[in-house]
Amino acid sequence: MSNGSTRQSVGMNIIRKLHIVKPELVEQKAMATILSDMDAEIDALTANLEKARRIKQGMMSELLTGRLRLIKEDTDNGKN
């Protein structure tokens, strides 16, 4: 449906004949609601991820400066 040898193009006559289907308004609103809910979920997950990253960074800082030490548990209950 396109014409041209070097640069392909679609003429206005062809574009005018195109039949474009769009959903009914009720369906559009339902899709918008779902997308808004998904955006809210993404925002919440992003906030949780950022919080976890800040906690991790703080713990790494505590460990590297020696203010916090990890102690290995005694797994054999003192038998050895």
C-alpha atoms as a PDB file:
ATOM      1  CA  MET A   1       0.000   0.000   0.000  1.00  0.00           C
ATOM      2  CA  SER A   2       3.013   2.292   0.219  1.00  0.00           C
ATOM      3  CA  ASN A   3       4.630   3.965  -2.735  1.00  0.00           C
ATOM      4  CA  GLY A   4       7.999   5.522  -3.502  1.00  0.00           C
ATOM      5  CA  SER A   5      11.323   4.063  -4.523  1.00  0.00           C
ATOM      6  CA  THR A   6      13.820   5.523  -2.064  1.00  0.00           C
ATOM      7  CA  ARG A   7      11.545   6.574   0.746  1.00  0.00           C
ATOM      8  CA  GLN A   8       8.333   4.679   1.334  1.00  0.00           C
ATOM      9  CA  SER A   9       5.193   6.662   2.107  1.00  0.00           C
ATOM     10  CA  VAL A  10       1.485   6.120   2.549  1.00  0.00           C
ATOM     11  CA  GLY A  11      -0.784   8.529   0.751  1.00  0.00           C
ATOM     12  CA  MET A  12      -3.665  10.414   2.328  1.00  0.00           C
ATOM     13  CA  ASN A  13      -6.172   8.555   0.135  1.00  0.00           C
ATOM     14  CA  ILE A  14      -5.152   5.295   1.790  1.00  0.00           C
ATOM     15  CA  ILE A  15      -5.145   6.841   5.273  1.00  0.00           C
ATOM     16  CA  ARG A  16      -8.660   8.246   4.756  1.00  0.00           C
ATOM     17  CA  LYS A  17      -9.931   4.753   3.912  1.00  0.00           C
ATOM     18  CA  LEU A  18      -8.558   3.182   7.105  1.00  0.00           C
ATOM     19  CA  HIS A  19     -11.133   1.957   9.566  1.00  0.00           C
ATOM     20  CA  ILE A  20      -9.952   2.578  13.128  1.00  0.00           C
ATOM     21  CA  VAL A  21     -11.697   0.676  15.889  1.00  0.00           C
ATOM     22  CA  LYS A  22     -11.749   2.082  19.410  1.00  0.00           C
ATOM     23  CA  PRO A  23     -13.281   0.531  22.516  1.00  0.00           C
ATOM     24  CA  GLU A  24     -16.550   1.776  23.958  1.00  0.00           C
ATOM     25  CA  LEU A  25     -16.313   4.455  26.656  1.00  0.00           C
ATOM     26  CA  VAL A  26     -17.158   1.970  29.424  1.00  0.00           C
ATOM     27  CA  GLU A  27     -14.324  -0.307  28.310  1.00  0.00           C
ATOM     28  CA  GLN A  28     -11.936   2.664  28.031  1.00  0.00           C
ATOM     29  CA  LYS A  29     -12.786   3.667  31.616  1.00  0.00           C
ATOM     30  CA  ALA A  30     -12.249   0.088  32.819  1.00  0.00           C
ATOM     31  CA  MET A  31      -8.842   0.008  31.131  1.00  0.00           C
ATOM     32  CA  ALA A  32      -7.939   3.377  32.642  1.00  0.00           C
ATOM     33  CA  THR A  33      -8.908   2.117  36.109  1.00  0.00           C
ATOM     34  CA  ILE A  34      -6.765  -1.003  35.711  1.00  0.00           C
ATOM     35  CA  LEU A  35      -3.809   1.051  34.485  1.00  0.00           C
ATOM     36  CA  SER A  36      -4.185   3.494  37.385  1.00  0.00           C
ATOM     37  CA  ASP A  37      -4.245   0.588  39.848  1.00  0.00           C
ATOM     38  CA  MET A  38      -1.124  -0.838  38.227  1.00  0.00           C
ATOM     39  CA  ASP A  39       0.610   2.564  38.495  1.00  0.00           C
ATOM     40  CA  ALA A  40      -0.252   2.708  42.207  1.00  0.00           C
ATOM     41  CA  GLU A  41       1.133  -0.813  42.702  1.00  0.00           C
ATOM     42  CA  ILE A  42       4.333   0.079  40.851  1.00  0.00           C
ATOM     43  CA  ASP A  43       4.725   3.198  43.013  1.00  0.00           C
ATOM     44  CA  ALA A  44       4.276   1.132  46.193  1.00  0.00           C
ATOM     45  CA  LEU A  45       6.782  -1.491  45.027  1.00  0.00           C
ATOM     46  CA  THR A  46       9.258   1.216  44.053  1.00  0.00           C
ATOM     47  CA  ALA A  47       8.950   2.794  47.506  1.00  0.00           C
ATOM     48  CA  ASN A  48       9.517  -0.609  49.160  1.00  0.00           C
ATOM     49  CA  LEU A  49      12.555  -1.247  46.968  1.00  0.00           C
ATOM     50  CA  GLU A  50      14.038   2.134  47.824  1.00  0.00           C
ATOM     51  CA  LYS A  51      13.440   1.513  51.535  1.00  0.00           C
ATOM     52  CA  ALA A  52      15.172  -1.876  51.289  1.00  0.00           C
ATOM     53  CA  ARG A  53      18.115  -0.284  49.473  1.00  0.00           C
ATOM     54  CA  ARG A  54      18.467   2.366  52.206  1.00  0.00           C
ATOM     55  CA  ILE A  55      18.359  -0.314  54.916  1.00  0.00           C
ATOM     56  CA  LYS A  56      20.981  -2.367  53.068  1.00  0.00           C
ATOM     57  CA  GLN A  57      23.224   0.668  52.646  1.00  0.00           C
ATOM     58  CA  GLY A  58      22.924   1.500  56.338  1.00  0.00           C
ATOM     59  CA  MET A  59      23.721  -2.052  57.391  1.00  0.00           C
ATOM     60  CA  MET A  60      26.719  -2.191  55.081  1.00  0.00           C
ATOM     61  CA  SER A  61      27.969   1.050  56.588  1.00  0.00           C
ATOM     62  CA  GLU A  62      27.513  -0.321  60.121  1.00  0.00           C
ATOM     63  CA  LEU A  63      29.389  -3.515  59.236  1.00  0.00           C
ATOM     64  CA  LEU A  64      32.237  -1.783  57.412  1.00  0.00           C
ATOM     65  CA  THR A  65      32.848   0.724  60.207  1.00  0.00           C
ATOM     66  CA  GLY A  66      32.831  -2.014  62.848  1.00  0.00           C
ATOM     67  CA  ARG A  67      29.907  -0.566  64.787  1.00  0.00           C
ATOM     68  CA  LEU A  68      28.008  -3.777  64.094  1.00  0.00           C
ATOM     69  CA  ARG A  69      29.498  -7.263  64.198  1.00  0.00           C
ATOM     70  CA  LEU A  70      28.031 -10.566  63.157  1.00  0.00           C
ATOM     71  CA  ILE A  71      28.636 -13.402  65.595  1.00  0.00           C
ATOM     72  CA  LYS A  72      28.666 -16.969  64.313  1.00  0.00           C
ATOM     73  CA  GLU A  73      26.136 -19.147  66.139  1.00  0.00           C
ATOM     74  CA  ASP A  74      27.276 -22.213  68.018  1.00  0.00           C
ATOM     75  CA  THR A  75      25.668 -24.963  65.910  1.00  0.00           C
ATOM     76  CA  ASP A  76      26.854 -27.991  67.916  1.00  0.00           C
ATOM     77  CA  ASN A  77      25.483 -26.730  71.279  1.00  0.00           C
ATOM     78  CA  GLY A  78      28.929 -26.602  72.891  1.00  0.00           C
ATOM     79  CA  LYS A  79      29.767 -30.288  72.400  1.00  0.00           C
ATOM     80  CA  ASN A  80      33.134 -29.583  70.668  1.00  0.00           C
END
